[in-house]
Amino acid sequence: MTVLPCAQCHESDGCRVATSLRLNLQTEDPQENTMKELQCYIAEVKQFGFNHSIIIGKRYCGMLFVDCFACVFDWDSDSHALWFLGDYFEIISKEESEKIMIIGQHGTF
């Protein structure tokens, strides 16, 4: 099995990134099981042409990752579906602009 070159976020950083995207990671599994599953998921997404990725973390039957262009993807291994969630920085800036709109309209969060 050829492994896709990748990096993995520290667990706390991955949780913060997932939370900023309004997603949850699966963090209950022992680290050794998580790494084995992630290696399988990495091999599965390689078929879509990814040559480098940053693993944000493990999700139920899949993983959340970012490619080298800051595009966020959610791989669902059960359904063999690769969901494009958008550009990370655009998602975050949209979240910030929505907060500003709420503050501007109501004066509070």
Protein backbone atom coordinates (compact mmCIF):
# COMPACT_ATOMS: atom_id res chain seq x y z
CA MET A 1 0.00 0.00 0.00
CA THR A 2 1.40 3.40 -1.00
CA VAL A 3 0.80 6.00 1.65
CA LEU A 4 -0.13 9.56 0.74
CA PRO A 5 2.33 12.12 2.14
CA CYS A 6 0.45 13.90 4.89
CA ALA A 7 0.71 15.67 8.18
CA GLN A 8 -1.64 15.44 11.13
CA CYS A 9 -2.75 18.26 13.38
CA HIS A 10 -2.22 17.93 17.11
CA GLU A 11 -5.50 16.64 18.56
CA SER A 12 -6.37 19.90 20.34
CA ASP A 13 -5.64 21.93 17.17
CA GLY A 14 -7.74 19.55 15.11
CA CYS A 15 -10.64 19.91 17.54
CA ARG A 16 -10.41 23.72 17.32
CA VAL A 17 -10.39 23.61 13.51
CA ALA A 18 -13.35 21.21 13.43
CA THR A 19 -15.25 23.37 15.92
CA SER A 20 -14.61 26.46 13.81
CA LEU A 21 -16.24 24.54 10.93
CA ARG A 22 -19.13 23.49 13.20
CA LEU A 23 -18.11 19.84 12.97
CA ASN A 24 -17.17 17.22 15.54
CA LEU A 25 -14.25 14.83 15.59
CA GLN A 26 -14.28 11.33 17.02
CA THR A 27 -11.69 11.44 19.79
CA GLU A 28 -12.75 8.53 22.02
CA ASP A 29 -10.73 5.80 20.26
CA PRO A 30 -7.27 4.77 21.45
CA GLN A 31 -4.52 6.50 19.46
CA GLU A 32 -3.23 3.24 17.92
CA ASN A 33 -6.67 2.40 16.46
CA THR A 34 -7.07 5.94 15.15
CA MET A 35 -3.73 5.85 13.32
CA LYS A 36 -4.52 2.50 11.68
CA GLU A 37 -7.90 3.76 10.50
CA LEU A 38 -6.45 7.05 9.27
CA GLN A 39 -3.87 5.16 7.21
CA CYS A 40 -6.70 3.26 5.50
CA TYR A 41 -8.65 6.48 4.89
CA ILE A 42 -5.54 8.17 3.46
CA ALA A 43 -5.11 5.31 1.00
CA GLU A 44 -8.79 5.60 0.02
CA VAL A 45 -8.67 9.35 -0.71
CA LYS A 46 -5.48 8.93 -2.73
CA GLN A 47 -7.65 7.55 -5.54
CA PHE A 48 -9.13 11.06 -5.90
CA GLY A 49 -5.74 12.49 -6.85
CA PHE A 50 -4.62 14.02 -3.55
CA ASN A 51 -0.84 14.09 -3.33
CA HIS A 52 -0.59 15.90 0.00
CA SER A 53 -3.01 16.61 2.83
CA ILE A 54 -3.21 17.75 6.42
CA ILE A 55 -5.36 15.48 8.54
CA ILE A 56 -7.56 17.50 10.89
CA GLY A 57 -8.92 14.43 12.61
CA LYS A 58 -10.96 11.27 12.56
CA ARG A 59 -14.71 11.39 12.12
CA TYR A 60 -17.24 8.59 12.40
CA CYS A 61 -16.25 6.25 9.52
CA GLY A 62 -13.97 8.82 7.93
CA MET A 63 -11.73 11.80 8.37
CA LEU A 64 -11.66 15.54 7.99
CA PHE A 65 -8.69 16.92 6.07
CA VAL A 66 -7.36 19.96 4.24
CA ASP A 67 -5.50 19.85 0.93
CA CYS A 68 -2.52 22.03 0.03
CA PHE A 69 -4.87 24.77 -1.25
CA ALA A 70 -6.72 25.07 2.12
CA CYS A 71 -9.79 23.27 0.76
CA VAL A 72 -11.57 21.28 3.47
CA PHE A 73 -12.88 17.78 2.75
CA ASP A 74 -14.88 15.28 4.76
CA TRP A 75 -14.20 11.67 3.69
CA ASP A 76 -17.01 9.21 4.49
CA SER A 77 -15.57 5.72 4.15
CA ASP A 78 -18.93 3.95 4.60
CA SER A 79 -20.51 5.57 1.56
CA HIS A 80 -17.22 6.21 -0.27
CA ALA A 81 -18.19 9.87 -0.51
CA LEU A 82 -15.76 12.75 -0.53
CA TRP A 83 -17.53 15.93 0.56
CA PHE A 84 -16.02 19.28 -0.39
CA LEU A 85 -16.82 21.69 2.44
CA GLY A 86 -15.16 24.78 0.97
CA ASP A 87 -12.08 26.93 1.36
CA TYR A 88 -11.12 27.04 5.04
CA PHE A 89 -10.31 30.74 5.08
CA GLU A 90 -13.51 31.69 3.26
CA ILE A 91 -15.57 29.62 5.70
CA ILE A 92 -13.89 31.29 8.68
CA SER A 93 -14.18 34.81 7.24
CA LYS A 94 -17.88 34.18 6.53
CA GLU A 95 -18.36 33.12 10.16
CA GLU A 96 -16.66 36.31 11.35
CA SER A 97 -18.75 38.54 9.07
CA GLU A 98 -21.94 36.88 10.36
CA LYS A 99 -20.86 37.66 13.93
CA ILE A 100 -20.25 41.29 12.99
CA MET A 101 -23.70 41.50 11.39
CA ILE A 102 -25.32 40.15 14.57
CA ILE A 103 -23.44 42.62 16.75
CA GLY A 104 -24.31 45.48 14.41
CA GLN A 105 -28.02 44.67 14.33
CA HIS A 106 -28.62 43.82 17.97
CA GLY A 107 -25.75 45.37 19.87
CA THR A 108 -24.92 42.06 21.58
CA PHE A 109 -23.74 38.60 20.59
